[in-house]
Amino acid sequence: MDSNVFKGKWNQMKGEAKKQWGKLTDDDLDVIAGEKDKLVGKIQERYGHSKDDAEREYTDWSTRFRD
């Protein structure tokens, strides 16, 4: 997903992100503020995934929001 589109849809997507990655806190989601790299970094931090694994999870998850 394009980063501008991701930022624009972030408020709608926050709830879905929380369902997908339950270890992310509301504060984490506020800090992420629709920035893909921050989301990937928080997934790595909270779940101990490698960058590649976190990127893959993000990609799989974000495909559900394409128009």
PDB file of N, CA and C in Angstrom:
ATOM      1  N   MET A   1       0.851  -1.177   0.000  1.00  0.00           N
ATOM      2  CA  MET A   1       0.000   0.000   0.000  1.00  0.00           C
ATOM      3  C   MET A   1       0.890   1.231   0.000  1.00  0.00           C
ATOM      4  N   ASP A   2       0.528   2.201  -0.805  1.00  0.00           N
ATOM      5  CA  ASP A   2       1.243   3.462  -0.887  1.00  0.00           C
ATOM      6  C   ASP A   2       1.249   4.135   0.487  1.00  0.00           C
ATOM      7  N   SER A   3       2.372   4.730   0.857  1.00  0.00           N
ATOM      8  CA  SER A   3       2.492   5.307   2.203  1.00  0.00           C
ATOM      9  C   SER A   3       1.504   6.444   2.437  1.00  0.00           C
ATOM     10  N   ASN A   4       1.192   7.242   1.423  1.00  0.00           N
ATOM     11  CA  ASN A   4       0.213   8.320   1.596  1.00  0.00           C
ATOM     12  C   ASN A   4      -1.184   7.768   1.828  1.00  0.00           C
ATOM     13  N   VAL A   5      -1.534   6.709   1.124  1.00  0.00           N
ATOM     14  CA  VAL A   5      -2.831   6.069   1.314  1.00  0.00           C
ATOM     15  C   VAL A   5      -2.901   5.466   2.709  1.00  0.00           C
ATOM     16  N   PHE A   6      -1.813   4.815   3.128  1.00  0.00           N
ATOM     17  CA  PHE A   6      -1.753   4.209   4.454  1.00  0.00           C
ATOM     18  C   PHE A   6      -1.980   5.255   5.538  1.00  0.00           C
ATOM     19  N   LYS A   7      -1.308   6.393   5.423  1.00  0.00           N
ATOM     20  CA  LYS A   7      -1.488   7.465   6.409  1.00  0.00           C
ATOM     21  C   LYS A   7      -2.921   7.972   6.410  1.00  0.00           C
ATOM     22  N   GLY A   8      -3.498   8.117   5.232  1.00  0.00           N
ATOM     23  CA  GLY A   8      -4.851   8.624   5.123  1.00  0.00           C
ATOM     24  C   GLY A   8      -5.885   7.697   5.720  1.00  0.00           C
ATOM     25  N   LYS A   9      -5.661   6.408   5.644  1.00  0.00           N
ATOM     26  CA  LYS A   9      -6.612   5.421   6.153  1.00  0.00           C
ATOM     27  C   LYS A   9      -6.282   4.951   7.566  1.00  0.00           C
ATOM     28  N   TRP A  10      -5.240   5.469   8.152  1.00  0.00           N
ATOM     29  CA  TRP A  10      -4.749   4.951   9.424  1.00  0.00           C
ATOM     30  C   TRP A  10      -5.819   4.919  10.512  1.00  0.00           C
ATOM     31  N   ASN A  11      -6.598   5.994  10.653  1.00  0.00           N
ATOM     32  CA  ASN A  11      -7.611   6.013  11.718  1.00  0.00           C
ATOM     33  C   ASN A  11      -8.610   4.880  11.556  1.00  0.00           C
ATOM     34  N   GLN A  12      -8.950   4.543  10.319  1.00  0.00           N
ATOM     35  CA  GLN A  12      -9.857   3.432  10.070  1.00  0.00           C
ATOM     36  C   GLN A  12      -9.176   2.093  10.329  1.00  0.00           C
ATOM     37  N   MET A  13      -7.876   2.030  10.092  1.00  0.00           N
ATOM     38  CA  MET A  13      -7.136   0.777  10.156  1.00  0.00           C
ATOM     39  C   MET A  13      -6.599   0.455  11.545  1.00  0.00           C
ATOM     40  N   LYS A  14      -6.560   1.435  12.440  1.00  0.00           N
ATOM     41  CA  LYS A  14      -5.983   1.209  13.773  1.00  0.00           C
ATOM     42  C   LYS A  14      -6.644   0.046  14.500  1.00  0.00           C
ATOM     43  N   GLY A  15      -7.942  -0.013  14.443  1.00  0.00           N
ATOM     44  CA  GLY A  15      -8.656  -1.101  15.119  1.00  0.00           C
ATOM     45  C   GLY A  15      -8.289  -2.458  14.550  1.00  0.00           C
ATOM     46  N   GLU A  16      -8.143  -2.512  13.236  1.00  0.00           N
ATOM     47  CA  GLU A  16      -7.755  -3.766  12.591  1.00  0.00           C
ATOM     48  C   GLU A  16      -6.319  -4.144  12.951  1.00  0.00           C
ATOM     49  N   ALA A  17      -5.454  -3.148  13.063  1.00  0.00           N
ATOM     50  CA  ALA A  17      -4.064  -3.407  13.462  1.00  0.00           C
ATOM     51  C   ALA A  17      -4.028  -3.967  14.885  1.00  0.00           C
ATOM     52  N   LYS A  18      -4.867  -3.418  15.752  1.00  0.00           N
ATOM     53  CA  LYS A  18      -4.926  -3.879  17.145  1.00  0.00           C
ATOM     54  C   LYS A  18      -5.415  -5.333  17.206  1.00  0.00           C
ATOM     55  N   LYS A  19      -6.390  -5.691  16.343  1.00  0.00           N
ATOM     56  CA  LYS A  19      -6.857  -7.079  16.289  1.00  0.00           C
ATOM     57  C   LYS A  19      -5.755  -8.007  15.794  1.00  0.00           C
ATOM     58  N   GLN A  20      -5.028  -7.560  14.773  1.00  0.00           N
ATOM     59  CA  GLN A  20      -3.969  -8.384  14.174  1.00  0.00           C
ATOM     60  C   GLN A  20      -2.789  -8.563  15.128  1.00  0.00           C
ATOM     61  N   TRP A  21      -2.376  -7.468  15.745  1.00  0.00           N
ATOM     62  CA  TRP A  21      -1.208  -7.487  16.627  1.00  0.00           C
ATOM     63  C   TRP A  21      -1.635  -6.982  18.000  1.00  0.00           C
ATOM     64  N   GLY A  22      -2.213  -7.863  18.791  1.00  0.00           N
ATOM     65  CA  GLY A  22      -2.761  -7.515  20.098  1.00  0.00           C
ATOM     66  C   GLY A  22      -1.756  -6.979  21.095  1.00  0.00           C
ATOM     67  N   LYS A  23      -0.474  -7.223  20.854  1.00  0.00           N
ATOM     68  CA  LYS A  23       0.546  -6.711  21.779  1.00  0.00           C
ATOM     69  C   LYS A  23       0.831  -5.230  21.558  1.00  0.00           C
ATOM     70  N   LEU A  24       0.326  -4.664  20.466  1.00  0.00           N
ATOM     71  CA  LEU A  24       0.513  -3.236  20.238  1.00  0.00           C
ATOM     72  C   LEU A  24      -0.453  -2.470  21.139  1.00  0.00           C
ATOM     73  N   THR A  25       0.068  -1.483  21.835  1.00  0.00           N
ATOM     74  CA  THR A  25      -0.756  -0.680  22.730  1.00  0.00           C
ATOM     75  C   THR A  25      -1.390   0.483  21.965  1.00  0.00           C
ATOM     76  N   ASP A  26      -2.366   1.122  22.601  1.00  0.00           N
ATOM     77  CA  ASP A  26      -2.960   2.319  21.999  1.00  0.00           C
ATOM     78  C   ASP A  26      -1.899   3.397  21.807  1.00  0.00           C
ATOM     79  N   ASP A  27      -0.976   3.504  22.755  1.00  0.00           N
ATOM     80  CA  ASP A  27       0.125   4.466  22.612  1.00  0.00           C
ATOM     81  C   ASP A  27       0.993   4.131  21.403  1.00  0.00           C
ATOM     82  N   ASP A  28       1.281   2.835  21.212  1.00  0.00           N
ATOM     83  CA  ASP A  28       2.050   2.414  20.032  1.00  0.00           C
ATOM     84  C   ASP A  28       1.342   2.870  18.762  1.00  0.00           C
ATOM     85  N   LEU A  29       0.041   2.629  18.708  1.00  0.00           N
ATOM     86  CA  LEU A  29      -0.725   2.975  17.512  1.00  0.00           C
ATOM     87  C   LEU A  29      -0.740   4.478  17.278  1.00  0.00           C
ATOM     88  N   ASP A  30      -0.773   5.270  18.352  1.00  0.00           N
ATOM     89  CA  ASP A  30      -0.708   6.725  18.207  1.00  0.00           C
ATOM     90  C   ASP A  30       0.651   7.175  17.695  1.00  0.00           C
ATOM     91  N   VAL A  31       1.715   6.550  18.189  1.00  0.00           N
ATOM     92  CA  VAL A  31       3.069   6.895  17.749  1.00  0.00           C
ATOM     93  C   VAL A  31       3.282   6.498  16.289  1.00  0.00           C
ATOM     94  N   ILE A  32       2.729   5.361  15.897  1.00  0.00           N
ATOM     95  CA  ILE A  32       2.874   4.884  14.518  1.00  0.00           C
ATOM     96  C   ILE A  32       2.273   5.895  13.545  1.00  0.00           C
ATOM     97  N   ALA A  33       1.114   6.436  13.893  1.00  0.00           N
ATOM     98  CA  ALA A  33       0.470   7.519  13.134  1.00  0.00           C
ATOM     99  C   ALA A  33       0.444   7.281  11.628  1.00  0.00           C
ATOM    100  N   GLY A  34       0.206   6.047  11.230  1.00  0.00           N
ATOM    101  CA  GLY A  34       0.077   5.756   9.809  1.00  0.00           C
ATOM    102  C   GLY A  34       1.379   5.643   9.051  1.00  0.00           C
ATOM    103  N   GLU A  35       2.490   5.486   9.758  1.00  0.00           N
ATOM    104  CA  GLU A  35       3.783   5.338   9.085  1.00  0.00           C
ATOM    105  C   GLU A  35       4.170   3.864   9.069  1.00  0.00           C
ATOM    106  N   LYS A  36       4.257   3.327   7.870  1.00  0.00           N
ATOM    107  CA  LYS A  36       4.527   1.902   7.677  1.00  0.00           C
ATOM    108  C   LYS A  36       5.784   1.459   8.405  1.00  0.00           C
ATOM    109  N   ASP A  37       6.864   2.206   8.276  1.00  0.00           N
ATOM    110  CA  ASP A  37       8.130   1.805   8.898  1.00  0.00           C
ATOM    111  C   ASP A  37       8.016   1.729  10.418  1.00  0.00           C
ATOM    112  N   LYS A  38       7.246   2.634  10.996  1.00  0.00           N
ATOM    113  CA  LYS A  38       7.050   2.601  12.448  1.00  0.00           C
ATOM    114  C   LYS A  38       6.237   1.375  12.852  1.00  0.00           C
ATOM    115  N   LEU A  39       5.225   1.037  12.046  1.00  0.00           N
ATOM    116  CA  LEU A  39       4.427  -0.152  12.344  1.00  0.00           C
ATOM    117  C   LEU A  39       5.287  -1.402  12.262  1.00  0.00           C
ATOM    118  N   VAL A  40       6.070  -1.509  11.216  1.00  0.00           N
ATOM    119  CA  VAL A  40       6.951  -2.670  11.057  1.00  0.00           C
ATOM    120  C   VAL A  40       7.926  -2.742  12.229  1.00  0.00           C
ATOM    121  N   GLY A  41       8.479  -1.610  12.639  1.00  0.00           N
ATOM    122  CA  GLY A  41       9.405  -1.573  13.771  1.00  0.00           C
ATOM    123  C   GLY A  41       8.742  -2.020  15.069  1.00  0.00           C
ATOM    124  N   LYS A  42       7.506  -1.580  15.297  1.00  0.00           N
ATOM    125  CA  LYS A  42       6.798  -1.983  16.516  1.00  0.00           C
ATOM    126  C   LYS A  42       6.458  -3.471  16.495  1.00  0.00           C
ATOM    127  N   ILE A  43       6.133  -4.003  15.320  1.00  0.00           N
ATOM    128  CA  ILE A  43       5.888  -5.445  15.211  1.00  0.00           C
ATOM    129  C   ILE A  43       7.161  -6.201  15.573  1.00  0.00           C
ATOM    130  N   GLN A  44       8.293  -5.740  15.069  1.00  0.00           N
ATOM    131  CA  GLN A  44       9.577  -6.364  15.417  1.00  0.00           C
ATOM    132  C   GLN A  44       9.814  -6.304  16.917  1.00  0.00           C
ATOM    133  N   GLU A  45       9.614  -5.133  17.490  1.00  0.00           N
ATOM    134  CA  GLU A  45       9.894  -4.908  18.908  1.00  0.00           C
ATOM    135  C   GLU A  45       8.994  -5.764  19.801  1.00  0.00           C
ATOM    136  N   ARG A  46       7.689  -5.746  19.544  1.00  0.00           N
ATOM    137  CA  ARG A  46       6.745  -6.445  20.416  1.00  0.00           C
ATOM    138  C   ARG A  46       6.758  -7.956  20.254  1.00  0.00           C
ATOM    139  N   TYR A  47       7.032  -8.423  19.031  1.00  0.00           N
ATOM    140  CA  TYR A  47       6.935  -9.860  18.760  1.00  0.00           C
ATOM    141  C   TYR A  47       8.295 -10.536  18.554  1.00  0.00           C
ATOM    142  N   GLY A  48       9.369  -9.758  18.501  1.00  0.00           N
ATOM    143  CA  GLY A  48      10.697 -10.334  18.326  1.00  0.00           C
ATOM    144  C   GLY A  48      10.940 -10.895  16.933  1.00  0.00           C
ATOM    145  N   HIS A  49      10.196 -10.382  15.946  1.00  0.00           N
ATOM    146  CA  HIS A  49      10.361 -10.846  14.571  1.00  0.00           C
ATOM    147  C   HIS A  49      11.533 -10.142  13.899  1.00  0.00           C
ATOM    148  N   SER A  50      12.078 -10.801  12.881  1.00  0.00           N
ATOM    149  CA  SER A  50      13.093 -10.148  12.056  1.00  0.00           C
ATOM    150  C   SER A  50      12.401  -9.076  11.224  1.00  0.00           C
ATOM    151  N   LYS A  51      13.187  -8.170  10.663  1.00  0.00           N
ATOM    152  CA  LYS A  51      12.617  -7.120   9.820  1.00  0.00           C
ATOM    153  C   LYS A  51      11.876  -7.728   8.638  1.00  0.00           C
ATOM    154  N   ASP A  52      12.459  -8.754   8.012  1.00  0.00           N
ATOM    155  CA  ASP A  52      11.814  -9.393   6.863  1.00  0.00           C
ATOM    156  C   ASP A  52      10.478 -10.019   7.250  1.00  0.00           C
ATOM    157  N   ASP A  53      10.430 -10.696   8.392  1.00  0.00           N
ATOM    158  CA  ASP A  53       9.185 -11.310   8.846  1.00  0.00           C
ATOM    159  C   ASP A  53       8.125 -10.251   9.157  1.00  0.00           C
ATOM    160  N   ALA A  54       8.543  -9.169   9.807  1.00  0.00           N
ATOM    161  CA  ALA A  54       7.607  -8.091  10.132  1.00  0.00           C
ATOM    162  C   ALA A  54       7.091  -7.426   8.857  1.00  0.00           C
ATOM    163  N   GLU A  55       7.967  -7.216   7.885  1.00  0.00           N
ATOM    164  CA  GLU A  55       7.556  -6.647   6.594  1.00  0.00           C
ATOM    165  C   GLU A  55       6.548  -7.559   5.910  1.00  0.00           C
ATOM    166  N   ARG A  56       6.809  -8.854   5.952  1.00  0.00           N
ATOM    167  CA  ARG A  56       5.919  -9.834   5.321  1.00  0.00           C
ATOM    168  C   ARG A  56       4.545  -9.811   5.995  1.00  0.00           C
ATOM    169  N   GLU A  57       4.526  -9.756   7.318  1.00  0.00           N
ATOM    170  CA  GLU A  57       3.259  -9.678   8.044  1.00  0.00           C
ATOM    171  C   GLU A  57       2.496  -8.422   7.665  1.00  0.00           C
ATOM    172  N   TYR A  58       3.208  -7.297   7.611  1.00  0.00           N
ATOM    173  CA  TYR A  58       2.573  -6.039   7.229  1.00  0.00           C
ATOM    174  C   TYR A  58       1.984  -6.141   5.821  1.00  0.00           C
ATOM    175  N   THR A  59       2.751  -6.676   4.886  1.00  0.00           N
ATOM    176  CA  THR A  59       2.303  -6.779   3.500  1.00  0.00           C
ATOM    177  C   THR A  59       1.055  -7.648   3.397  1.00  0.00           C
ATOM    178  N   ASP A  60       1.079  -8.795   4.059  1.00  0.00           N
ATOM    179  CA  ASP A  60      -0.084  -9.677   4.045  1.00  0.00           C
ATOM    180  C   ASP A  60      -1.312  -8.977   4.637  1.00  0.00           C
ATOM    181  N   TRP A  61      -1.121  -8.289   5.734  1.00  0.00           N
ATOM    182  CA  TRP A  61      -2.204  -7.595   6.416  1.00  0.00           C
ATOM    183  C   TRP A  61      -2.733  -6.439   5.576  1.00  0.00           C
ATOM    184  N   SER A  62      -1.848  -5.646   5.014  1.00  0.00           N
ATOM    185  CA  SER A  62      -2.273  -4.426   4.312  1.00  0.00           C
ATOM    186  C   SER A  62      -2.991  -4.713   2.992  1.00  0.00           C
ATOM    187  N   THR A  63      -2.792  -5.887   2.423  1.00  0.00           N
ATOM    188  CA  THR A  63      -3.468  -6.192   1.157  1.00  0.00           C
ATOM    189  C   THR A  63      -4.978  -6.239   1.331  1.00  0.00           C
ATOM    190  N   ARG A  64      -5.451  -6.429   2.541  1.00  0.00           N
ATOM    191  CA  ARG A  64      -6.889  -6.456   2.795  1.00  0.00           C
ATOM    192  C   ARG A  64      -7.527  -5.080   2.654  1.00  0.00           C
ATOM    193  N   PHE A  65      -6.715  -4.020   2.646  1.00  0.00           N
ATOM    194  CA  PHE A  65      -7.246  -2.656   2.630  1.00  0.00           C
ATOM    195  C   PHE A  65      -7.101  -1.977   1.289  1.00  0.00           C
ATOM    196  N   ARG A  66      -6.655  -2.704   0.297  1.00  0.00           N
ATOM    197  CA  ARG A  66      -6.525  -2.089  -1.032  1.00  0.00           C
ATOM    198  C   ARG A  66      -7.899  -1.869  -1.625  1.00  0.00           C
ATOM    199  N   ASP A  67      -8.025  -0.749  -2.298  1.00  0.00           N
ATOM    200  CA  ASP A  67      -9.320  -0.418  -2.938  1.00  0.00           C
ATOM    201  C   ASP A  67      -9.501  -1.205  -4.207  1.00  0.00           C
TER     202      ASP A  67
END
